[in-house]
């Protein structure tokens, strides 16, 4: 019985550690210029950082409409997660902070 409890405890500890480490990405930030990438009708909103790396932005429709009007402007994008999608790195936007003064 003690061995079973120990096994369950170890598995729970590994699960807890893995959950904490996957959420450690929260608060990540990239800084760069807002741009639209791709060809019509398959364009996507993105941010291009200084080293020419492109991150496709996964954000709400409201934020997307706002950022589309701000193409070329510098922003800091805080994101919660990133993933590869069709060869592009996609980040889930939590917050977009303008770096330019309007």
PDB file of N, CA and C in Angstrom:
ATOM      1  N   UNK A   1       0.816  -1.194   0.000  1.00  0.00           N
ATOM      2  CA  UNK A   1       0.000   0.000   0.000  1.00  0.00           C
ATOM      3  C   UNK A   1       0.866   1.267   0.000  1.00  0.00           C
ATOM      4  N   UNK A   2       1.956   1.235   0.789  1.00  0.00           N
ATOM      5  CA  UNK A   2       2.845   2.388   0.843  1.00  0.00           C
ATOM      6  C   UNK A   2       3.526   2.612  -0.499  1.00  0.00           C
ATOM      7  N   UNK A   3       3.866   1.515  -1.192  1.00  0.00           N
ATOM      8  CA  UNK A   3       4.504   1.639  -2.504  1.00  0.00           C
ATOM      9  C   UNK A   3       3.550   2.266  -3.502  1.00  0.00           C
ATOM     10  N   UNK A   4       2.275   1.878  -3.459  1.00  0.00           N
ATOM     11  CA  UNK A   4       1.276   2.466  -4.352  1.00  0.00           C
ATOM     12  C   UNK A   4       1.127   3.956  -4.088  1.00  0.00           C
ATOM     13  N   UNK A   5       1.072   4.340  -2.818  1.00  0.00           N
ATOM     14  CA  UNK A   5       0.977   5.753  -2.453  1.00  0.00           C
ATOM     15  C   UNK A   5       2.203   6.512  -2.957  1.00  0.00           C
ATOM     16  N   UNK A   6       3.388   5.921  -2.803  1.00  0.00           N
ATOM     17  CA  UNK A   6       4.615   6.555  -3.254  1.00  0.00           C
ATOM     18  C   UNK A   6       4.617   6.741  -4.775  1.00  0.00           C
ATOM     19  N   UNK A   7       4.161   5.746  -5.508  1.00  0.00           N
ATOM     20  CA  UNK A   7       4.094   5.849  -6.975  1.00  0.00           C
ATOM     21  C   UNK A   7       3.130   6.951  -7.397  1.00  0.00           C
ATOM     22  N   UNK A   8       1.958   6.998  -6.780  1.00  0.00           N
ATOM     23  CA  UNK A   8       0.971   8.037  -7.090  1.00  0.00           C
ATOM     24  C   UNK A   8       1.544   9.412  -6.752  1.00  0.00           C
ATOM     25  N   UNK A   9       2.244   9.535  -5.637  1.00  0.00           N
ATOM     26  CA  UNK A   9       2.844  10.801  -5.237  1.00  0.00           C
ATOM     27  C   UNK A   9       3.897  11.252  -6.254  1.00  0.00           C
ATOM     28  N   UNK A  10       4.742  10.352  -6.692  1.00  0.00           N
ATOM     29  CA  UNK A  10       5.792  10.696  -7.657  1.00  0.00           C
ATOM     30  C   UNK A  10       5.185  11.121  -8.984  1.00  0.00           C
ATOM     31  N   UNK A  11       4.186  10.404  -9.450  1.00  0.00           N
ATOM     32  CA  UNK A  11       3.522  10.767 -10.712  1.00  0.00           C
ATOM     33  C   UNK A  11       2.861  12.131 -10.579  1.00  0.00           C
ATOM     34  N   UNK A  12       2.219  12.391  -9.451  1.00  0.00           N
ATOM     35  CA  UNK A  12       1.577  13.703  -9.229  1.00  0.00           C
ATOM     36  C   UNK A  12       2.616  14.822  -9.198  1.00  0.00           C
ATOM     37  N   UNK A  13       3.763  14.551  -8.584  1.00  0.00           N
ATOM     38  CA  UNK A  13       4.819  15.564  -8.513  1.00  0.00           C
ATOM     39  C   UNK A  13       5.344  15.887  -9.913  1.00  0.00           C
ATOM     40  N   UNK A  14       5.571  14.864 -10.739  1.00  0.00           N
ATOM     41  CA  UNK A  14       6.032  15.107 -12.108  1.00  0.00           C
ATOM     42  C   UNK A  14       4.996  15.891 -12.904  1.00  0.00           C
ATOM     43  N   UNK A  15       3.724  15.573 -12.720  1.00  0.00           N
ATOM     44  CA  UNK A  15       2.651  16.285 -13.412  1.00  0.00           C
ATOM     45  C   UNK A  15       2.639  17.759 -13.000  1.00  0.00           C
ATOM     46  N   UNK A  16       2.761  18.012 -11.718  1.00  0.00           N
ATOM     47  CA  UNK A  16       2.761  19.385 -11.216  1.00  0.00           C
ATOM     48  C   UNK A  16       3.959  20.169 -11.746  1.00  0.00           C
ATOM     49  N   UNK A  17       5.122  19.544 -11.768  1.00  0.00           N
ATOM     50  CA  UNK A  17       6.323  20.203 -12.274  1.00  0.00           C
ATOM     51  C   UNK A  17       6.185  20.517 -13.759  1.00  0.00           C
ATOM     52  N   UNK A  18       5.637  19.581 -14.523  1.00  0.00           N
ATOM     53  CA  UNK A  18       5.484  19.826 -15.965  1.00  0.00           C
ATOM     54  C   UNK A  18       4.481  20.932 -16.237  1.00  0.00           C
ATOM     55  N   UNK A  19       3.418  21.013 -15.453  1.00  0.00           N
ATOM     56  CA  UNK A  19       2.437  22.091 -15.631  1.00  0.00           C
ATOM     57  C   UNK A  19       3.064  23.449 -15.314  1.00  0.00           C
ATOM     58  N   UNK A  20       3.836  23.507 -14.280  1.00  0.00           N
ATOM     59  CA  UNK A  20       4.478  24.770 -13.899  1.00  0.00           C
ATOM     60  C   UNK A  20       5.488  25.210 -14.939  1.00  0.00           C
ATOM     61  N   UNK A  21       6.242  24.285 -15.481  1.00  0.00           N
ATOM     62  CA  UNK A  21       7.256  24.673 -16.460  1.00  0.00           C
ATOM     63  C   UNK A  21       6.632  25.106 -17.772  1.00  0.00           C
ATOM     64  N   UNK A  22       5.484  24.558 -18.158  1.00  0.00           N
ATOM     65  CA  UNK A  22       4.853  24.981 -19.410  1.00  0.00           C
ATOM     66  C   UNK A  22       4.234  26.365 -19.273  1.00  0.00           C
ATOM     67  N   UNK A  23       3.830  26.748 -18.070  1.00  0.00           N
ATOM     68  CA  UNK A  23       3.280  28.085 -17.888  1.00  0.00           C
ATOM     69  C   UNK A  23       4.379  29.106 -17.605  1.00  0.00           C
ATOM     70  N   UNK A  24       5.625  28.662 -17.548  1.00  0.00           N
ATOM     71  CA  UNK A  24       6.731  29.585 -17.293  1.00  0.00           C
ATOM     72  C   UNK A  24       6.948  30.521 -18.466  1.00  0.00           C
ATOM     73  N   UNK A  25       6.388  30.205 -19.631  1.00  0.00           N
ATOM     74  CA  UNK A  25       6.530  31.080 -20.789  1.00  0.00           C
ATOM     75  C   UNK A  25       5.679  32.330 -20.653  1.00  0.00           C
ATOM     76  N   UNK A  26       4.713  32.318 -19.762  1.00  0.00           N
ATOM     77  CA  UNK A  26       3.862  33.486 -19.608  1.00  0.00           C
ATOM     78  C   UNK A  26       4.727  34.691 -19.296  1.00  0.00           C
ATOM     79  N   UNK A  27       4.382  35.793 -19.919  1.00  0.00           N
ATOM     80  CA  UNK A  27       5.158  36.996 -19.707  1.00  0.00           C
ATOM     81  C   UNK A  27       6.273  37.175 -20.713  1.00  0.00           C
ATOM     82  N   UNK A  28       6.443  36.243 -21.636  1.00  0.00           N
ATOM     83  CA  UNK A  28       7.450  36.421 -22.688  1.00  0.00           C
ATOM     84  C   UNK A  28       7.060  37.611 -23.544  1.00  0.00           C
ATOM     85  N   UNK A  29       8.061  38.330 -24.027  1.00  0.00           N
ATOM     86  CA  UNK A  29       7.815  39.527 -24.818  1.00  0.00           C
ATOM     87  C   UNK A  29       8.737  39.557 -26.024  1.00  0.00           C
ATOM     88  N   UNK A  30       8.174  39.942 -27.164  1.00  0.00           N
ATOM     89  CA  UNK A  30       8.975  40.226 -28.352  1.00  0.00           C
ATOM     90  C   UNK A  30       8.702  41.667 -28.755  1.00  0.00           C
ATOM     91  N   UNK A  31       9.725  42.332 -29.291  1.00  0.00           N
ATOM     92  CA  UNK A  31       9.591  43.720 -29.718  1.00  0.00           C
ATOM     93  C   UNK A  31       9.944  43.802 -31.188  1.00  0.00           C
ATOM     94  N   UNK A  32       9.116  44.541 -31.938  1.00  0.00           N
ATOM     95  CA  UNK A  32       9.382  44.690 -33.357  1.00  0.00           C
ATOM     96  C   UNK A  32       8.292  45.483 -34.047  1.00  0.00           C
ATOM     97  N   UNK A  33       8.285  45.396 -35.375  1.00  0.00           N
ATOM     98  CA  UNK A  33       7.342  46.158 -36.192  1.00  0.00           C
ATOM     99  C   UNK A  33       6.153  45.275 -36.588  1.00  0.00           C
ATOM    100  N   UNK A  34       4.965  45.850 -36.494  1.00  0.00           N
ATOM    101  CA  UNK A  34       3.746  45.160 -36.915  1.00  0.00           C
ATOM    102  C   UNK A  34       3.719  45.119 -38.439  1.00  0.00           C
ATOM    103  N   UNK A  35       3.351  43.954 -38.986  1.00  0.00           N
ATOM    104  CA  UNK A  35       3.314  43.784 -40.440  1.00  0.00           C
ATOM    105  C   UNK A  35       2.248  42.767 -40.819  1.00  0.00           C
ATOM    106  N   UNK A  36       1.933  42.741 -42.090  1.00  0.00           N
ATOM    107  CA  UNK A  36       1.048  41.717 -42.648  1.00  0.00           C
ATOM    108  C   UNK A  36       1.913  40.858 -43.561  1.00  0.00           C
ATOM    109  N   UNK A  37       1.842  39.549 -43.366  1.00  0.00           N
ATOM    110  CA  UNK A  37       2.645  38.623 -44.166  1.00  0.00           C
ATOM    111  C   UNK A  37       1.730  37.693 -44.958  1.00  0.00           C
ATOM    112  N   UNK A  38       2.270  37.157 -46.035  1.00  0.00           N
ATOM    113  CA  UNK A  38       1.508  36.224 -46.858  1.00  0.00           C
ATOM    114  C   UNK A  38       0.875  36.922 -48.042  1.00  0.00           C
ATOM    115  N   UNK A  39       0.211  36.139 -48.857  1.00  0.00           N
ATOM    116  CA  UNK A  39      -0.461  36.649 -50.049  1.00  0.00           C
ATOM    117  C   UNK A  39      -1.972  36.540 -49.886  1.00  0.00           C
ATOM    118  N   UNK A  40      -2.676  37.482 -50.487  1.00  0.00           N
ATOM    119  CA  UNK A  40      -4.144  37.447 -50.444  1.00  0.00           C
ATOM    120  C   UNK A  40      -4.625  36.162 -51.089  1.00  0.00           C
ATOM    121  N   UNK A  41      -5.602  35.523 -50.623  1.00  0.00           N
ATOM    122  CA  UNK A  41      -6.454  35.862 -49.469  1.00  0.00           C
ATOM    123  C   UNK A  41      -5.957  35.252 -48.163  1.00  0.00           C
ATOM    124  N   UNK A  42      -4.685  34.883 -48.100  1.00  0.00           N
ATOM    125  CA  UNK A  42      -4.162  34.174 -46.937  1.00  0.00           C
ATOM    126  C   UNK A  42      -3.184  35.018 -46.128  1.00  0.00           C
ATOM    127  N   UNK A  43      -3.439  36.303 -45.996  1.00  0.00           N
ATOM    128  CA  UNK A  43      -2.551  37.170 -45.222  1.00  0.00           C
ATOM    129  C   UNK A  43      -2.761  36.938 -43.728  1.00  0.00           C
ATOM    130  N   UNK A  44      -1.697  37.220 -42.970  1.00  0.00           N
ATOM    131  CA  UNK A  44      -1.759  37.067 -41.515  1.00  0.00           C
ATOM    132  C   UNK A  44      -1.030  38.232 -40.856  1.00  0.00           C
ATOM    133  N   UNK A  45      -1.520  38.627 -39.715  1.00  0.00           N
ATOM    134  CA  UNK A  45      -0.907  39.684 -38.921  1.00  0.00           C
ATOM    135  C   UNK A  45       0.329  39.117 -38.224  1.00  0.00           C
ATOM    136  N   UNK A  46       1.415  39.884 -38.215  1.00  0.00           N
ATOM    137  CA  UNK A  46       2.663  39.392 -37.641  1.00  0.00           C
ATOM    138  C   UNK A  46       3.460  40.531 -37.025  1.00  0.00           C
ATOM    139  N   UNK A  47       4.514  40.149 -36.328  1.00  0.00           N
ATOM    140  CA  UNK A  47       5.485  41.106 -35.822  1.00  0.00           C
ATOM    141  C   UNK A  47       6.849  40.639 -36.319  1.00  0.00           C
ATOM    142  N   UNK A  48       7.625  41.597 -36.825  1.00  0.00           N
ATOM    143  CA  UNK A  48       8.971  41.296 -37.319  1.00  0.00           C
ATOM    144  C   UNK A  48       9.951  41.894 -36.330  1.00  0.00           C
ATOM    145  N   UNK A  49      10.756  41.043 -35.706  1.00  0.00           N
ATOM    146  CA  UNK A  49      11.712  41.508 -34.700  1.00  0.00           C
ATOM    147  C   UNK A  49      13.035  41.868 -35.368  1.00  0.00           C
ATOM    148  N   UNK A  50      13.911  42.496 -34.610  1.00  0.00           N
ATOM    149  CA  UNK A  50      15.163  43.040 -35.143  1.00  0.00           C
ATOM    150  C   UNK A  50      15.999  42.050 -35.943  1.00  0.00           C
ATOM    151  N   UNK A  51      16.004  40.790 -35.547  1.00  0.00           N
ATOM    152  CA  UNK A  51      16.831  39.817 -36.252  1.00  0.00           C
ATOM    153  C   UNK A  51      16.102  39.222 -37.461  1.00  0.00           C
ATOM    154  N   UNK A  52      15.077  39.918 -37.946  1.00  0.00           N
ATOM    155  CA  UNK A  52      14.279  39.521 -39.115  1.00  0.00           C
ATOM    156  C   UNK A  52      13.451  38.261 -38.878  1.00  0.00           C
ATOM    157  N   UNK A  53      13.285  37.867 -37.635  1.00  0.00           N
ATOM    158  CA  UNK A  53      12.415  36.738 -37.307  1.00  0.00           C
ATOM    159  C   UNK A  53      10.978  37.226 -37.332  1.00  0.00           C
ATOM    160  N   UNK A  54      10.093  36.411 -37.903  1.00  0.00           N
ATOM    161  CA  UNK A  54       8.683  36.765 -38.036  1.00  0.00           C
ATOM    162  C   UNK A  54       7.856  35.872 -37.127  1.00  0.00           C
ATOM    163  N   UNK A  55       7.019  36.489 -36.324  1.00  0.00           N
ATOM    164  CA  UNK A  55       6.075  35.768 -35.471  1.00  0.00           C
ATOM    165  C   UNK A  55       4.668  36.131 -35.923  1.00  0.00           C
ATOM    166  N   UNK A  56       3.877  35.132 -36.284  1.00  0.00           N
ATOM    167  CA  UNK A  56       2.475  35.353 -36.631  1.00  0.00           C
ATOM    168  C   UNK A  56       1.721  35.553 -35.324  1.00  0.00           C
ATOM    169  N   UNK A  57       0.815  36.533 -35.302  1.00  0.00           N
ATOM    170  CA  UNK A  57       0.081  36.880 -34.083  1.00  0.00           C
ATOM    171  C   UNK A  57      -1.293  36.226 -34.060  1.00  0.00           C
ATOM    172  N   UNK A  58      -1.570  35.500 -33.003  1.00  0.00           N
ATOM    173  CA  UNK A  58      -2.879  34.913 -32.754  1.00  0.00           C
ATOM    174  C   UNK A  58      -3.518  35.763 -31.664  1.00  0.00           C
ATOM    175  N   UNK A  59      -4.492  36.616 -32.057  1.00  0.00           N
ATOM    176  CA  UNK A  59      -5.083  37.535 -31.091  1.00  0.00           C
ATOM    177  C   UNK A  59      -6.574  37.708 -31.373  1.00  0.00           C
ATOM    178  N   UNK A  60      -7.235  38.441 -30.495  1.00  0.00           N
ATOM    179  CA  UNK A  60      -8.668  38.692 -30.649  1.00  0.00           C
ATOM    180  C   UNK A  60      -8.927  39.535 -31.898  1.00  0.00           C
ATOM    181  N   UNK A  61     -10.131  39.462 -32.413  1.00  0.00           N
ATOM    182  CA  UNK A  61     -10.497  40.244 -33.605  1.00  0.00           C
ATOM    183  C   UNK A  61     -10.380  41.736 -33.338  1.00  0.00           C
ATOM    184  N   UNK A  62     -10.730  42.155 -32.143  1.00  0.00           N
ATOM    185  CA  UNK A  62     -10.651  43.576 -31.787  1.00  0.00           C
ATOM    186  C   UNK A  62      -9.201  44.061 -31.835  1.00  0.00           C
ATOM    187  N   UNK A  63      -8.290  43.311 -31.233  1.00  0.00           N
ATOM    188  CA  UNK A  63      -6.882  43.687 -31.245  1.00  0.00           C
ATOM    189  C   UNK A  63      -6.315  43.594 -32.655  1.00  0.00           C
ATOM    190  N   UNK A  64      -6.743  42.611 -33.402  1.00  0.00           N
ATOM    191  CA  UNK A  64      -6.277  42.448 -34.781  1.00  0.00           C
ATOM    192  C   UNK A  64      -6.645  43.674 -35.625  1.00  0.00           C
ATOM    193  N   UNK A  65      -7.876  44.161 -35.493  1.00  0.00           N
ATOM    194  CA  UNK A  65      -8.307  45.353 -36.241  1.00  0.00           C
ATOM    195  C   UNK A  65      -7.468  46.569 -35.857  1.00  0.00           C
ATOM    196  N   UNK A  66      -7.177  46.700 -34.561  1.00  0.00           N
ATOM    197  CA  UNK A  66      -6.367  47.829 -34.091  1.00  0.00           C
ATOM    198  C   UNK A  66      -4.946  47.745 -34.648  1.00  0.00           C
ATOM    199  N   UNK A  67      -4.348  46.560 -34.587  1.00  0.00           N
ATOM    200  CA  UNK A  67      -2.962  46.406 -35.039  1.00  0.00           C
ATOM    201  C   UNK A  67      -2.828  46.522 -36.554  1.00  0.00           C
ATOM    202  N   UNK A  68      -3.851  46.135 -37.302  1.00  0.00           N
ATOM    203  CA  UNK A  68      -3.807  46.285 -38.755  1.00  0.00           C
ATOM    204  C   UNK A  68      -3.651  47.749 -39.151  1.00  0.00           C
ATOM    205  N   UNK A  69      -4.211  48.646 -38.355  1.00  0.00           N
ATOM    206  CA  UNK A  69      -4.093  50.086 -38.612  1.00  0.00           C
ATOM    207  C   UNK A  69      -2.720  50.618 -38.212  1.00  0.00           C
ATOM    208  N   UNK A  70      -1.950  49.834 -37.478  1.00  0.00           N
ATOM    209  CA  UNK A  70      -0.663  50.280 -36.933  1.00  0.00           C
ATOM    210  C   UNK A  70       0.528  49.610 -37.633  1.00  0.00           C
ATOM    211  N   UNK A  71       0.341  49.163 -38.860  1.00  0.00           N
ATOM    212  CA  UNK A  71       1.429  48.504 -39.586  1.00  0.00           C
ATOM    213  C   UNK A  71       2.651  49.413 -39.675  1.00  0.00           C
ATOM    214  N   UNK A  72       3.814  48.821 -39.440  1.00  0.00           N
ATOM    215  CA  UNK A  72       5.068  49.564 -39.485  1.00  0.00           C
ATOM    216  C   UNK A  72       5.472  50.164 -38.153  1.00  0.00           C
ATOM    217  N   UNK A  73       4.559  50.251 -37.217  1.00  0.00           N
ATOM    218  CA  UNK A  73       4.856  50.823 -35.906  1.00  0.00           C
ATOM    219  C   UNK A  73       5.491  49.775 -35.006  1.00  0.00           C
ATOM    220  N   UNK A  74       6.268  50.246 -34.060  1.00  0.00           N
ATOM    221  CA  UNK A  74       6.969  49.375 -33.122  1.00  0.00           C
ATOM    222  C   UNK A  74       6.063  49.034 -31.933  1.00  0.00           C
ATOM    223  N   UNK A  75       6.011  47.747 -31.605  1.00  0.00           N
ATOM    224  CA  UNK A  75       5.201  47.261 -30.487  1.00  0.00           C
ATOM    225  C   UNK A  75       5.989  46.245 -29.676  1.00  0.00           C
ATOM    226  N   UNK A  76       5.628  46.142 -28.397  1.00  0.00           N
ATOM    227  CA  UNK A  76       6.081  45.048 -27.542  1.00  0.00           C
ATOM    228  C   UNK A  76       4.876  44.126 -27.394  1.00  0.00           C
ATOM    229  N   UNK A  77       5.035  42.875 -27.785  1.00  0.00           N
ATOM    230  CA  UNK A  77       3.952  41.902 -27.719  1.00  0.00           C
ATOM    231  C   UNK A  77       4.257  40.922 -26.599  1.00  0.00           C
ATOM    232  N   UNK A  78       3.367  40.882 -25.607  1.00  0.00           N
ATOM    233  CA  UNK A  78       3.484  39.905 -24.533  1.00  0.00           C
ATOM    234  C   UNK A  78       2.629  38.704 -24.937  1.00  0.00           C
ATOM    235  N   UNK A  79       3.218  37.508 -24.840  1.00  0.00           N
ATOM    236  CA  UNK A  79       2.479  36.321 -25.275  1.00  0.00           C
ATOM    237  C   UNK A  79       2.542  35.219 -24.236  1.00  0.00           C
ATOM    238  N   UNK A  80       1.536  34.351 -24.296  1.00  0.00           N
ATOM    239  CA  UNK A  80       1.435  33.273 -23.314  1.00  0.00           C
ATOM    240  C   UNK A  80       1.981  31.957 -23.835  1.00  0.00           C
ATOM    241  N   UNK A  81       1.898  31.734 -25.142  1.00  0.00           N
ATOM    242  CA  UNK A  81       2.401  30.478 -25.695  1.00  0.00           C
ATOM    243  C   UNK A  81       2.820  30.675 -27.139  1.00  0.00           C
ATOM    244  N   UNK A  82       3.654  29.766 -27.609  1.00  0.00           N
ATOM    245  CA  UNK A  82       4.059  29.788 -29.011  1.00  0.00           C
ATOM    246  C   UNK A  82       3.954  28.370 -29.557  1.00  0.00           C
ATOM    247  N   UNK A  83       3.717  28.285 -30.875  1.00  0.00           N
ATOM    248  CA  UNK A  83       3.596  26.979 -31.521  1.00  0.00           C
ATOM    249  C   UNK A  83       3.995  27.115 -32.980  1.00  0.00           C
ATOM    250  N   UNK A  84       4.350  26.016 -33.589  1.00  0.00           N
ATOM    251  CA  UNK A  84       4.652  25.992 -35.022  1.00  0.00           C
ATOM    252  C   UNK A  84       3.372  25.647 -35.764  1.00  0.00           C
ATOM    253  N   UNK A  85       3.101  26.395 -36.834  1.00  0.00           N
ATOM    254  CA  UNK A  85       1.895  26.162 -37.631  1.00  0.00           C
ATOM    255  C   UNK A  85       2.235  26.436 -39.084  1.00  0.00           C
ATOM    256  N   UNK A  86       2.215  25.417 -39.894  1.00  0.00           N
ATOM    257  CA  UNK A  86       2.522  25.522 -41.318  1.00  0.00           C
ATOM    258  C   UNK A  86       3.870  26.203 -41.560  1.00  0.00           C
ATOM    259  N   UNK A  87       4.866  25.839 -40.764  1.00  0.00           N
ATOM    260  CA  UNK A  87       6.217  26.371 -40.937  1.00  0.00           C
ATOM    261  C   UNK A  87       6.454  27.744 -40.327  1.00  0.00           C
ATOM    262  N   UNK A  88       5.446  28.329 -39.715  1.00  0.00           N
ATOM    263  CA  UNK A  88       5.590  29.643 -39.087  1.00  0.00           C
ATOM    264  C   UNK A  88       5.450  29.508 -37.584  1.00  0.00           C
ATOM    265  N   UNK A  89       6.133  30.392 -36.855  1.00  0.00           N
ATOM    266  CA  UNK A  89       5.963  30.413 -35.411  1.00  0.00           C
ATOM    267  C   UNK A  89       4.806  31.348 -35.084  1.00  0.00           C
ATOM    268  N   UNK A  90       3.817  30.815 -34.387  1.00  0.00           N
ATOM    269  CA  UNK A  90       2.612  31.569 -34.028  1.00  0.00           C
ATOM    270  C   UNK A  90       2.642  31.798 -32.522  1.00  0.00           C
ATOM    271  N   UNK A  91       2.425  33.051 -32.107  1.00  0.00           N
ATOM    272  CA  UNK A  91       2.373  33.360 -30.683  1.00  0.00           C
ATOM    273  C   UNK A  91       0.974  33.858 -30.318  1.00  0.00           C
ATOM    274  N   UNK A  92       0.502  33.436 -29.156  1.00  0.00           N
ATOM    275  CA  UNK A  92      -0.807  33.844 -28.653  1.00  0.00           C
ATOM    276  C   UNK A  92      -0.630  35.129 -27.857  1.00  0.00           C
ATOM    277  N   UNK A  93      -1.188  36.201 -28.368  1.00  0.00           N
ATOM    278  CA  UNK A  93      -0.989  37.538 -27.800  1.00  0.00           C
ATOM    279  C   UNK A  93      -1.842  37.725 -26.551  1.00  0.00           C
ATOM    280  N   UNK A  94      -1.183  38.160 -25.498  1.00  0.00           N
ATOM    281  CA  UNK A  94      -1.876  38.535 -24.267  1.00  0.00           C
ATOM    282  C   UNK A  94      -2.058  40.047 -24.194  1.00  0.00           C
ATOM    283  N   UNK A  95      -1.029  40.784 -24.667  1.00  0.00           N
ATOM    284  CA  UNK A  95      -1.069  42.246 -24.573  1.00  0.00           C
ATOM    285  C   UNK A  95      -0.152  42.837 -25.626  1.00  0.00           C
ATOM    286  N   UNK A  96      -0.576  43.931 -26.225  1.00  0.00           N
ATOM    287  CA  UNK A  96       0.233  44.658 -27.213  1.00  0.00           C
ATOM    288  C   UNK A  96       0.448  46.075 -26.706  1.00  0.00           C
ATOM    289  N   UNK A  97       1.717  46.461 -26.546  1.00  0.00           N
ATOM    290  CA  UNK A  97       2.057  47.770 -25.999  1.00  0.00           C
ATOM    291  C   UNK A  97       2.825  48.557 -27.066  1.00  0.00           C
ATOM    292  N   UNK A  98       2.301  49.725 -27.489  1.00  0.00           N
ATOM    293  CA  UNK A  98       3.018  50.525 -28.492  1.00  0.00           C
ATOM    294  C   UNK A  98       4.309  51.088 -27.917  1.00  0.00           C
ATOM    295  N   UNK A  99       5.359  51.071 -28.731  1.00  0.00           N
ATOM    296  CA  UNK A  99       6.647  51.634 -28.315  1.00  0.00           C
ATOM    297  C   UNK A  99       6.871  53.007 -28.939  1.00  0.00           C
ATOM    298  N   UNK A 100       6.147  53.297 -30.026  1.00  0.00           N
ATOM    299  CA  UNK A 100       6.240  54.594 -30.700  1.00  0.00           C
ATOM    300  C   UNK A 100       5.307  55.585 -30.016  1.00  0.00           C
ATOM    301  N   UNK A 101       5.676  56.838 -30.089  1.00  0.00           N
ATOM    302  CA  UNK A 101       4.731  57.878 -29.680  1.00  0.00           C
ATOM    303  C   UNK A 101       3.998  58.312 -30.932  1.00  0.00           C
ATOM    304  N   UNK A 102       2.699  58.459 -30.816  1.00  0.00           N
ATOM    305  CA  UNK A 102       1.889  58.788 -31.999  1.00  0.00           C
ATOM    306  C   UNK A 102       1.931  60.248 -32.321  1.00  0.00           C
TER     307      UNK A 102
END
